[in-house]
Amino acid sequence: MPFYRSGLFSLTLLGRLLVEFTSPKLGEDARLLTGTLEAAQGGVKILILANTNAGHSNLKCMARPPAFGDRGAHSKSGFCPNRPGCMRVVGIETSCDETAVAVYDADLGLLSHRLYSQVAMHQAYGGVVPELASRDHVRRLLPLFREALADAKSDRESIDGIAYTAGPGLIGALLVGAGFAASLSLAWGKPGVGIHHLEGHLLAPLLEPNPPAFPFLALLVSGGHTQLVDVEGLGQYRILGETLDDAAGEAFDKTAKLLGLPYPGGAALAKLAETGRSDRFVFPRPMLDRPGLDFSFSGLKTAALVALRGRVLDDAIRADVARGFQEAVVETLAEKCRRALEFTGHRRLVIAGGVGANRRLRERLAEVVLAASAELYFPRAEFCTDNGAMIALAGCMRLTALAGEPGTAGRGRMIGARANWELGDSGEAVAGNGG
């Protein structure tokens, strides 16, 4: 957290002092000092942020989290004065167990994206360990940032804004990205914006060559969320239905563990299901026997557990249970999507989130939209899971919209992170005031 002390601006994270800025003097850049605090956290590396003589007049006002986002050198008409109306944004994602950085340009599209997955580190524990995730984000973020900028042939002068995932997610992991984004925004004098993680997923299909137009119906399906969302436009989201217990991806992972599959189990279960029989185990299709668009998947895990009880777990049994389980999840999601298309009247269906990469789900939903005379959109597989590209895109859209609003000079996002954040509140992403 930033704080002001004896003319110095310091950024601390995870109990270690990362960087310390002296107040800029006339004609010279602020110096970067390094230091260490006694803490249990070890091995935190120094963030090197160049050229900070932006003249931050509000550094003494640190009673609340600082606003960041002074437009500084940008023209009054908007961002990037050399290309009026354009926007080039760095996106930072650290909400869980992927560290990712990307650069997106409103005119040229995605210029670069870099990602480091922590899966191998967490496999020994059978799930994500928040403390380890946070430490690894600190270790990986700066090198990935440098690589993404190099790939995009971009530097301080060509970047127009900084976007980061502000929530929901693991609070320690989120704060790594938030702290980095805030320090970069202050040092470079660029506007910053905190992005709702689920908004990033909803907008990910817009990265594709044939993006969907607003409005559309979205199925957001991942390890932490299963929702049907009516998307009218940027920041205009209405949740039509959601899971009452386990998310679809969570049910996949738990059932994979019952089958003895390695973490993360969802993709492994889907692959195993390809070799199984669909008629040996027929699991229930939860909540299809009643109206509404909500989901429930915890019972499917129990049904799989009962089916396995007393059986020898040979390859055939495991494959058949995987196939039966996947069919139940896919049919449930497909029927709810059919109902939602009928309810909303939308003719565009978007799949977003990690489970959206499931091949069988895509095939089944293609049949649903064909019957409904609708269109199906989804991001490429690498952008279904957590990534920086979707955050950079969402940040670009948010900052462009903010630039076009009258009376918003100097506005930016308040630095912060929220472990719990409802999608319907994502309009707050640009509500901070940098004045």
Protein backbone atom coordinates (compact mmCIF):
# COMPACT_ATOMS: atom_id res chain seq x y z
CA MET A 1 0.00 0.00 0.00
CA PRO A 2 1.35 3.45 -0.85
CA PHE A 3 2.18 5.85 1.97
CA TYR A 4 3.89 9.19 2.36
CA ARG A 5 6.89 9.62 4.65
CA SER A 6 9.48 12.40 4.88
CA GLY A 7 9.20 13.48 1.28
CA LEU A 8 9.30 9.91 -0.03
CA PHE A 9 6.60 7.92 -1.79
CA SER A 10 6.84 4.21 -1.05
CA LEU A 11 5.01 1.18 -2.40
CA THR A 12 4.86 -1.85 -0.13
CA LEU A 13 3.42 -5.22 -1.00
CA LEU A 14 3.23 -8.49 0.89
CA GLY A 15 5.19 -7.02 3.78
CA ARG A 16 8.24 -6.02 1.73
CA LEU A 17 9.30 -2.62 0.48
CA LEU A 18 9.28 -2.80 -3.31
CA VAL A 19 10.16 0.72 -4.41
CA GLU A 20 10.69 4.09 -2.82
CA PHE A 21 10.48 7.32 -4.77
CA THR A 22 12.03 10.64 -3.74
CA SER A 23 10.06 13.73 -4.61
CA PRO A 24 11.22 14.93 -8.05
CA LYS A 25 13.49 17.94 -8.08
CA LEU A 26 13.58 20.51 -10.81
CA GLY A 27 15.32 19.18 -13.90
CA GLU A 28 15.89 15.65 -12.68
CA ASP A 29 14.04 12.37 -12.46
CA ALA A 30 12.99 10.86 -9.18
CA ARG A 31 15.53 8.42 -7.81
CA LEU A 32 14.55 4.85 -6.95
CA LEU A 33 15.71 3.66 -3.58
CA THR A 34 15.49 0.10 -2.39
CA GLY A 35 15.02 -1.25 1.09
CA THR A 36 13.87 -4.20 3.10
CA LEU A 37 11.39 -4.71 5.91
CA GLU A 38 11.56 -7.49 8.45
CA ALA A 39 8.80 -9.86 7.41
CA ALA A 40 8.07 -13.48 6.82
CA GLN A 41 7.76 -12.93 3.08
CA GLY A 42 11.05 -13.68 1.39
CA GLY A 43 12.55 -13.16 -2.02
CA VAL A 44 10.38 -10.25 -3.18
CA LYS A 45 12.09 -8.55 -6.09
CA ILE A 46 12.38 -4.84 -6.70
CA LEU A 47 10.05 -3.25 -9.23
CA ILE A 48 12.06 -0.89 -11.42
CA LEU A 49 9.92 1.98 -12.71
CA ALA A 50 11.77 4.54 -14.83
CA ASN A 51 11.27 8.28 -15.14
CA THR A 52 8.88 9.47 -12.47
CA ASN A 53 9.14 13.25 -12.74
CA ALA A 54 5.40 13.55 -13.42
CA GLY A 55 5.00 15.91 -10.46
CA HIS A 56 2.46 14.12 -8.25
CA SER A 57 0.94 16.96 -6.25
CA ASN A 58 -1.43 14.75 -4.24
CA LEU A 59 1.04 12.33 -2.67
CA LYS A 60 0.40 13.69 0.82
CA CYS A 61 -3.29 12.77 0.60
CA MET A 62 -2.92 9.11 1.56
CA ALA A 63 -5.65 8.69 4.15
CA ARG A 64 -7.59 6.68 1.56
CA PRO A 65 -6.36 4.62 -1.42
CA PRO A 66 -4.90 7.06 -3.95
CA ALA A 67 -6.56 7.88 -7.21
CA PHE A 68 -4.44 7.50 -10.28
CA GLY A 69 -4.98 8.57 -13.84
CA ASP A 70 -3.88 12.11 -14.59
CA ARG A 71 -3.93 12.58 -18.34
CA GLY A 72 -0.81 14.67 -18.09
CA ALA A 73 0.82 14.97 -21.51
CA HIS A 74 -2.22 13.79 -23.48
CA SER A 75 -4.15 16.26 -25.58
CA LYS A 76 -7.42 17.70 -24.31
CA SER A 77 -9.33 15.96 -27.08
CA GLY A 78 -8.37 12.50 -25.86
CA PHE A 79 -5.44 10.10 -25.74
CA CYS A 80 -2.43 9.50 -28.02
CA PRO A 81 -2.19 12.96 -29.66
CA ASN A 82 -0.27 11.58 -32.64
CA ARG A 83 -3.21 9.35 -33.56
CA PRO A 84 -6.44 11.12 -32.52
CA GLY A 85 -9.15 8.79 -31.22
CA CYS A 86 -6.86 5.82 -30.71
CA MET A 87 -5.96 4.01 -27.51
CA ARG A 88 -3.15 1.59 -26.61
CA VAL A 89 -3.50 -0.12 -23.23
CA VAL A 90 -1.45 -2.53 -21.11
CA GLY A 91 -3.58 -5.21 -19.44
CA ILE A 92 -2.47 -6.97 -16.24
CA GLU A 93 -4.10 -10.14 -14.89
CA THR A 94 -3.20 -11.65 -11.49
CA SER A 95 -6.54 -12.77 -10.04
CA CYS A 96 -5.66 -16.41 -9.36
CA ASP A 97 -2.93 -18.71 -10.67
CA GLU A 98 -1.98 -17.11 -13.98
CA THR A 99 0.26 -14.09 -14.33
CA ALA A 100 -0.46 -12.35 -17.63
CA VAL A 101 0.35 -9.09 -19.41
CA ALA A 102 -0.89 -7.94 -22.81
CA VAL A 103 -0.91 -4.84 -24.99
CA TYR A 104 -4.03 -3.97 -26.98
CA ASP A 105 -4.39 -1.18 -29.54
CA ALA A 106 -7.83 0.12 -30.51
CA ASP A 107 -6.76 0.46 -34.15
CA LEU A 108 -4.33 -2.42 -34.57
CA GLY A 109 -5.86 -5.00 -32.23
CA LEU A 110 -3.89 -7.27 -29.92
CA LEU A 111 -0.19 -6.50 -30.21
CA SER A 112 1.20 -8.93 -27.64
CA HIS A 113 0.25 -11.18 -24.77
CA ARG A 114 2.42 -13.04 -22.29
CA LEU A 115 1.27 -15.56 -19.70
CA TYR A 116 2.83 -17.70 -17.01
CA SER A 117 0.75 -20.50 -15.48
CA GLN A 118 1.34 -21.67 -11.92
CA VAL A 119 -0.37 -25.03 -12.47
CA ALA A 120 2.82 -27.06 -11.98
CA MET A 121 3.52 -25.34 -8.66
CA HIS A 122 0.03 -26.01 -7.26
CA GLN A 123 -0.30 -29.60 -8.49
CA ALA A 124 1.41 -31.01 -5.41
CA TYR A 125 -1.36 -29.50 -3.26
CA GLY A 126 -4.31 -30.48 -5.44
CA GLY A 127 -5.45 -26.87 -5.72
CA VAL A 128 -4.38 -23.23 -5.66
CA VAL A 129 -2.50 -22.12 -2.52
CA PRO A 130 -3.22 -18.36 -2.25
CA GLU A 131 0.03 -17.43 -0.48
CA LEU A 132 2.17 -19.22 -3.05
CA ALA A 133 0.13 -17.69 -5.87
CA SER A 134 0.73 -14.17 -4.58
CA ARG A 135 4.46 -14.65 -4.18
CA ASP A 136 4.79 -16.08 -7.67
CA HIS A 137 2.90 -13.15 -9.19
CA VAL A 138 5.46 -10.82 -7.60
CA ARG A 139 8.25 -12.89 -9.12
CA ARG A 140 6.79 -13.13 -12.64
CA LEU A 141 4.96 -9.88 -13.29
CA LEU A 142 7.80 -7.48 -14.10
CA PRO A 143 9.62 -9.83 -16.55
CA LEU A 144 6.32 -10.55 -18.34
CA PHE A 145 5.58 -6.83 -18.52
CA ARG A 146 8.94 -6.16 -20.15
CA GLU A 147 8.45 -9.01 -22.63
CA ALA A 148 4.94 -7.87 -23.57
CA LEU A 149 6.12 -4.32 -24.22
CA ALA A 150 9.04 -5.57 -26.30
CA ASP A 151 6.77 -7.86 -28.35
CA ALA A 152 4.38 -4.97 -28.96
CA LYS A 153 7.27 -2.62 -29.86
CA SER A 154 5.83 -0.22 -27.30
CA ASP A 155 7.25 2.02 -24.60
CA ARG A 156 6.11 4.67 -22.17
CA GLU A 157 5.37 7.20 -24.88
CA SER A 158 3.19 4.86 -26.94
CA ILE A 159 1.15 3.47 -24.03
CA ASP A 160 -2.01 5.44 -23.26
CA GLY A 161 -3.45 3.61 -20.26
CA ILE A 162 -3.01 0.83 -17.71
CA ALA A 163 -5.71 -1.75 -16.95
CA TYR A 164 -5.58 -4.39 -14.25
CA THR A 165 -7.91 -7.00 -12.78
CA ALA A 166 -9.41 -5.47 -9.64
CA GLY A 167 -11.59 -8.45 -8.70
CA PRO A 168 -13.09 -10.84 -7.97
CA GLY A 169 -10.30 -13.26 -7.08
CA LEU A 170 -7.69 -14.06 -4.45
CA ILE A 171 -7.14 -10.80 -2.61
CA GLY A 172 -3.36 -11.20 -2.22
CA ALA A 173 -2.95 -12.06 -5.89
CA LEU A 174 -5.17 -9.15 -6.94
CA LEU A 175 -3.15 -6.70 -4.87
CA VAL A 176 0.03 -7.64 -6.72
CA GLY A 177 -1.49 -6.50 -10.01
CA ALA A 178 -3.21 -3.49 -8.43
CA GLY A 179 0.00 -2.29 -6.80
CA PHE A 180 1.98 -2.73 -9.98
CA ALA A 181 -0.65 -0.91 -12.06
CA ALA A 182 -0.87 1.98 -9.62
CA SER A 183 2.87 2.48 -9.42
CA LEU A 184 3.19 2.30 -13.21
CA SER A 185 0.33 4.75 -13.70
CA LEU A 186 1.87 7.24 -11.28
CA ALA A 187 5.39 6.84 -12.63
CA TRP A 188 4.37 7.14 -16.28
CA GLY A 189 1.58 9.68 -15.77
CA LYS A 190 -0.96 7.47 -17.54
CA PRO A 191 -4.62 6.87 -16.67
CA GLY A 192 -5.45 3.55 -15.05
CA VAL A 193 -8.60 1.49 -14.65
CA GLY A 194 -9.54 -1.52 -12.55
CA ILE A 195 -11.42 -4.17 -14.53
CA HIS A 196 -13.96 -6.68 -13.32
CA HIS A 197 -12.52 -10.12 -14.04
CA LEU A 198 -15.82 -11.47 -15.36
CA GLU A 199 -16.28 -8.44 -17.62
CA GLY A 200 -12.94 -9.36 -19.15
CA HIS A 201 -14.24 -12.85 -19.91
CA LEU A 202 -17.51 -11.51 -21.33
CA LEU A 203 -15.61 -9.25 -23.73
CA ALA A 204 -12.95 -11.82 -24.71
CA PRO A 205 -14.82 -12.89 -27.91
CA LEU A 206 -14.33 -9.31 -29.15
CA LEU A 207 -10.66 -10.20 -29.62
CA GLU A 208 -11.61 -12.45 -32.53
CA PRO A 209 -11.70 -11.41 -36.21
CA ASN A 210 -15.52 -11.77 -36.26
CA PRO A 211 -16.61 -10.28 -32.93
CA PRO A 212 -20.23 -10.20 -31.73
CA ALA A 213 -22.10 -6.92 -31.67
CA PHE A 214 -24.06 -5.72 -28.65
CA PRO A 215 -26.51 -6.83 -27.38
CA PHE A 216 -25.96 -10.54 -26.82
CA LEU A 217 -26.62 -13.40 -24.41
CA ALA A 218 -23.53 -14.74 -22.65
CA LEU A 219 -22.90 -18.05 -20.93
CA LEU A 220 -20.10 -17.39 -18.47
CA VAL A 221 -18.88 -20.79 -17.34
CA SER A 222 -15.67 -21.39 -15.40
CA GLY A 223 -14.20 -22.94 -12.27
CA GLY A 224 -15.65 -20.21 -10.08
CA HIS A 225 -18.75 -19.01 -11.93
CA THR A 226 -21.67 -20.28 -13.99
CA GLN A 227 -23.96 -17.47 -15.13
CA LEU A 228 -26.28 -16.51 -17.95
CA VAL A 229 -25.89 -12.79 -18.60
CA ASP A 230 -27.92 -10.40 -20.72
CA VAL A 231 -25.27 -8.03 -22.14
CA GLU A 232 -26.75 -4.80 -23.50
CA GLY A 233 -23.45 -2.96 -23.80
CA LEU A 234 -20.25 -2.11 -21.96
CA GLY A 235 -21.05 -2.15 -18.23
CA GLN A 236 -24.70 -3.04 -18.86
CA TYR A 237 -25.06 -6.57 -17.52
CA ARG A 238 -28.15 -8.33 -16.17
CA ILE A 239 -27.72 -11.74 -14.60
CA LEU A 240 -30.55 -14.02 -15.74
CA GLY A 241 -29.44 -17.14 -13.90
CA GLU A 242 -26.48 -18.50 -11.95
CA THR A 243 -25.37 -21.53 -10.00
CA LEU A 244 -26.85 -22.03 -6.55
CA ASP A 245 -23.85 -24.08 -5.39
CA ASP A 246 -20.88 -25.46 -7.36
CA ALA A 247 -19.84 -23.84 -10.62
CA ALA A 248 -19.66 -26.14 -13.64
CA GLY A 249 -15.86 -25.99 -13.74
CA GLU A 250 -15.67 -26.69 -10.02
CA ALA A 251 -17.86 -29.78 -10.49
CA PHE A 252 -15.57 -30.92 -13.32
CA ASP A 253 -12.50 -30.59 -11.09
CA LYS A 254 -14.09 -32.36 -8.11
CA THR A 255 -15.35 -35.26 -10.22
CA ALA A 256 -11.94 -35.54 -11.89
CA LYS A 257 -10.42 -35.93 -8.43
CA LEU A 258 -12.84 -38.80 -7.71
CA LEU A 259 -11.57 -40.44 -10.90
CA GLY A 260 -7.95 -40.07 -9.81
CA LEU A 261 -7.10 -37.50 -12.47
CA PRO A 262 -4.34 -34.93 -11.85
CA TYR A 263 -5.00 -31.27 -11.00
CA PRO A 264 -6.42 -29.33 -12.74
CA GLY A 265 -8.88 -32.06 -13.59
CA GLY A 266 -11.45 -30.42 -15.86
CA ALA A 267 -9.48 -30.69 -19.08
CA ALA A 268 -8.26 -34.18 -18.16
CA LEU A 269 -11.83 -35.35 -17.55
CA ALA A 270 -12.98 -33.96 -20.90
CA LYS A 271 -10.18 -35.81 -22.67
CA LEU A 272 -10.98 -39.04 -20.84
CA ALA A 273 -14.67 -38.68 -21.72
CA GLU A 274 -13.82 -38.89 -25.43
CA THR A 275 -13.06 -42.61 -24.98
CA GLY A 276 -16.11 -43.39 -22.84
CA ARG A 277 -19.60 -44.71 -23.61
CA SER A 278 -22.51 -42.29 -23.26
CA ASP A 279 -25.13 -44.93 -22.38
CA ARG A 280 -23.50 -46.71 -19.43
CA PHE A 281 -23.95 -43.98 -16.81
CA VAL A 282 -26.83 -41.56 -17.25
CA PHE A 283 -26.61 -38.85 -14.63
CA PRO A 284 -29.42 -36.41 -13.75
CA ARG A 285 -29.80 -33.09 -15.56
CA PRO A 286 -30.19 -30.79 -12.53
CA MET A 287 -32.96 -28.18 -12.44
CA LEU A 288 -34.28 -28.93 -15.91
CA ASP A 289 -37.52 -30.21 -14.37
CA ARG A 290 -38.53 -26.71 -13.28
CA PRO A 291 -38.74 -23.24 -14.85
CA GLY A 292 -36.00 -20.67 -14.51
CA LEU A 293 -32.41 -20.21 -15.59
CA ASP A 294 -30.48 -21.06 -12.41
CA PHE A 295 -28.03 -23.97 -12.18
CA SER A 296 -26.97 -26.53 -9.58
CA PHE A 297 -24.04 -28.91 -10.07
CA SER A 298 -23.14 -30.17 -6.58
CA GLY A 299 -25.55 -33.09 -6.94
CA LEU A 300 -23.77 -34.31 -10.07
CA LYS A 301 -20.56 -34.79 -8.13
CA THR A 302 -22.51 -36.84 -5.56
CA ALA A 303 -24.11 -38.90 -8.34
CA ALA A 304 -20.66 -39.69 -9.73
CA LEU A 305 -19.44 -40.68 -6.27
CA VAL A 306 -22.39 -43.07 -5.85
CA ALA A 307 -21.80 -44.56 -9.31
CA LEU A 308 -18.17 -45.29 -8.43
CA ARG A 309 -18.87 -46.79 -5.03
CA GLY A 310 -17.89 -50.46 -4.79
CA ARG A 311 -16.45 -50.56 -8.31
CA VAL A 312 -12.92 -51.27 -9.43
CA LEU A 313 -11.62 -48.11 -11.07
CA ASP A 314 -10.37 -49.60 -14.32
CA ASP A 315 -9.87 -47.46 -17.42
CA ALA A 316 -13.26 -48.34 -18.90
CA ILE A 317 -15.21 -47.40 -15.77
CA ARG A 318 -13.38 -44.13 -15.38
CA ALA A 319 -13.93 -43.19 -19.04
CA ASP A 320 -17.62 -44.08 -18.94
CA VAL A 321 -18.25 -42.09 -15.76
CA ALA A 322 -16.38 -39.14 -17.25
CA ARG A 323 -18.49 -39.34 -20.40
CA GLY A 324 -21.76 -39.60 -18.47
CA PHE A 325 -20.82 -36.71 -16.21
CA GLN A 326 -19.78 -34.46 -19.10
CA GLU A 327 -22.96 -35.21 -21.03
CA ALA A 328 -25.07 -34.23 -18.01
CA VAL A 329 -23.26 -30.90 -17.59
CA VAL A 330 -23.32 -30.09 -21.30
CA GLU A 331 -27.01 -30.94 -21.72
CA THR A 332 -27.91 -28.83 -18.70
CA LEU A 333 -25.96 -25.82 -19.97
CA ALA A 334 -27.34 -26.22 -23.49
CA GLU A 335 -30.98 -26.39 -22.37
CA LYS A 336 -30.59 -23.35 -20.14
CA CYS A 337 -29.05 -21.44 -23.05
CA ARG A 338 -31.96 -22.43 -25.28
CA ARG A 339 -34.41 -21.13 -22.70
CA ALA A 340 -32.46 -17.90 -22.24
CA LEU A 341 -32.34 -17.23 -26.00
CA GLU A 342 -36.09 -17.70 -26.13
CA PHE A 343 -36.62 -15.49 -23.07
CA THR A 344 -34.44 -12.59 -24.24
CA GLY A 345 -35.05 -12.80 -27.97
CA HIS A 346 -31.32 -12.39 -28.59
CA ARG A 347 -29.83 -13.88 -31.73
CA ARG A 348 -26.22 -13.91 -30.56
CA LEU A 349 -24.87 -16.33 -27.94
CA VAL A 350 -21.39 -15.84 -26.47
CA ILE A 351 -19.49 -18.53 -24.52
CA ALA A 352 -16.91 -17.22 -22.07
CA GLY A 353 -14.74 -18.72 -19.33
CA GLY A 354 -12.48 -21.74 -19.02
CA VAL A 355 -15.18 -24.38 -19.51
CA GLY A 356 -16.04 -22.62 -22.76
CA ALA A 357 -13.02 -24.36 -24.27
CA ASN A 358 -14.76 -27.74 -23.83
CA ARG A 359 -15.20 -29.21 -27.32
CA ARG A 360 -18.37 -31.14 -26.56
CA LEU A 361 -20.02 -28.02 -25.09
CA ARG A 362 -19.19 -26.02 -28.20
CA GLU A 363 -20.62 -28.73 -30.45
CA ARG A 364 -23.85 -28.94 -28.48
CA LEU A 365 -24.35 -25.18 -28.31
CA ALA A 366 -23.76 -24.95 -32.05
CA GLU A 367 -26.80 -27.22 -32.44
CA VAL A 368 -28.81 -25.02 -30.08
CA VAL A 369 -28.12 -21.77 -31.95
CA LEU A 370 -28.77 -23.43 -35.29
CA ALA A 371 -32.22 -24.50 -34.15
CA ALA A 372 -32.87 -20.99 -32.76
CA SER A 373 -31.63 -19.23 -35.93
CA ALA A 374 -28.98 -17.53 -33.80
CA GLU A 375 -25.19 -17.13 -33.99
CA LEU A 376 -22.53 -18.60 -31.69
CA TYR A 377 -19.38 -16.73 -30.63
CA PHE A 378 -16.49 -17.81 -28.45
CA PRO A 379 -12.85 -16.79 -27.98
CA ARG A 380 -10.00 -19.05 -29.06
CA ALA A 381 -9.05 -21.61 -26.42
CA GLU A 382 -6.10 -19.61 -25.03
CA PHE A 383 -8.43 -16.69 -24.26
CA CYS A 384 -11.08 -18.82 -22.54
CA THR A 385 -8.90 -19.17 -19.45
CA ASP A 386 -7.49 -16.19 -17.52
CA ASN A 387 -5.34 -13.91 -19.68
CA GLY A 388 -4.10 -10.35 -19.98
CA ALA A 389 -5.53 -9.78 -23.47
CA MET A 390 -9.12 -9.65 -22.26
CA ILE A 391 -8.14 -7.18 -19.50
CA ALA A 392 -6.28 -4.96 -21.97
CA LEU A 393 -9.29 -4.98 -24.32
CA ALA A 394 -11.74 -4.20 -21.51
CA GLY A 395 -9.43 -1.44 -20.26
CA CYS A 396 -9.20 0.02 -23.75
CA MET A 397 -12.99 0.10 -24.03
CA ARG A 398 -13.42 1.58 -20.54
CA LEU A 399 -10.81 4.30 -20.98
CA THR A 400 -12.10 5.18 -24.46
CA ALA A 401 -15.61 5.55 -23.06
CA LEU A 402 -14.30 7.65 -20.18
CA ALA A 403 -12.35 9.90 -22.55
CA GLY A 404 -15.55 10.66 -24.43
CA GLU A 405 -17.51 11.71 -21.35
CA PRO A 406 -17.81 15.48 -20.73
CA GLY A 407 -16.25 16.82 -17.56
CA THR A 408 -14.07 13.77 -16.87
CA ALA A 409 -10.64 15.38 -17.13
CA GLY A 410 -8.32 13.88 -14.57
CA ARG A 411 -10.63 11.03 -13.68
CA GLY A 412 -9.24 7.58 -13.14
CA ARG A 413 -9.84 4.44 -11.15
CA MET A 414 -9.21 4.37 -7.42
CA ILE A 415 -6.54 1.81 -6.72
CA GLY A 416 -8.07 -1.17 -5.02
CA ALA A 417 -8.95 -4.83 -5.19
CA ARG A 418 -12.09 -6.70 -4.24
CA ALA A 419 -12.11 -10.42 -3.51
CA ASN A 420 -15.89 -10.40 -3.95
CA TRP A 421 -17.44 -8.21 -6.60
CA GLU A 422 -20.83 -8.69 -8.22
CA LEU A 423 -20.83 -8.41 -12.00
CA GLY A 424 -23.78 -6.03 -11.87
CA ASP A 425 -21.57 -3.52 -10.00
CA SER A 426 -18.87 -3.49 -12.68
CA GLY A 427 -19.96 -0.02 -13.79
CA GLU A 428 -17.93 1.18 -10.80
CA ALA A 429 -14.74 0.23 -12.65
CA VAL A 430 -14.27 3.80 -13.90
CA ALA A 431 -16.05 5.67 -11.09
CA GLY A 432 -12.93 6.90 -9.31
CA ASN A 433 -11.94 10.53 -9.42
CA GLY A 434 -8.34 11.55 -9.74
CA GLY A 435 -8.94 15.12 -8.74
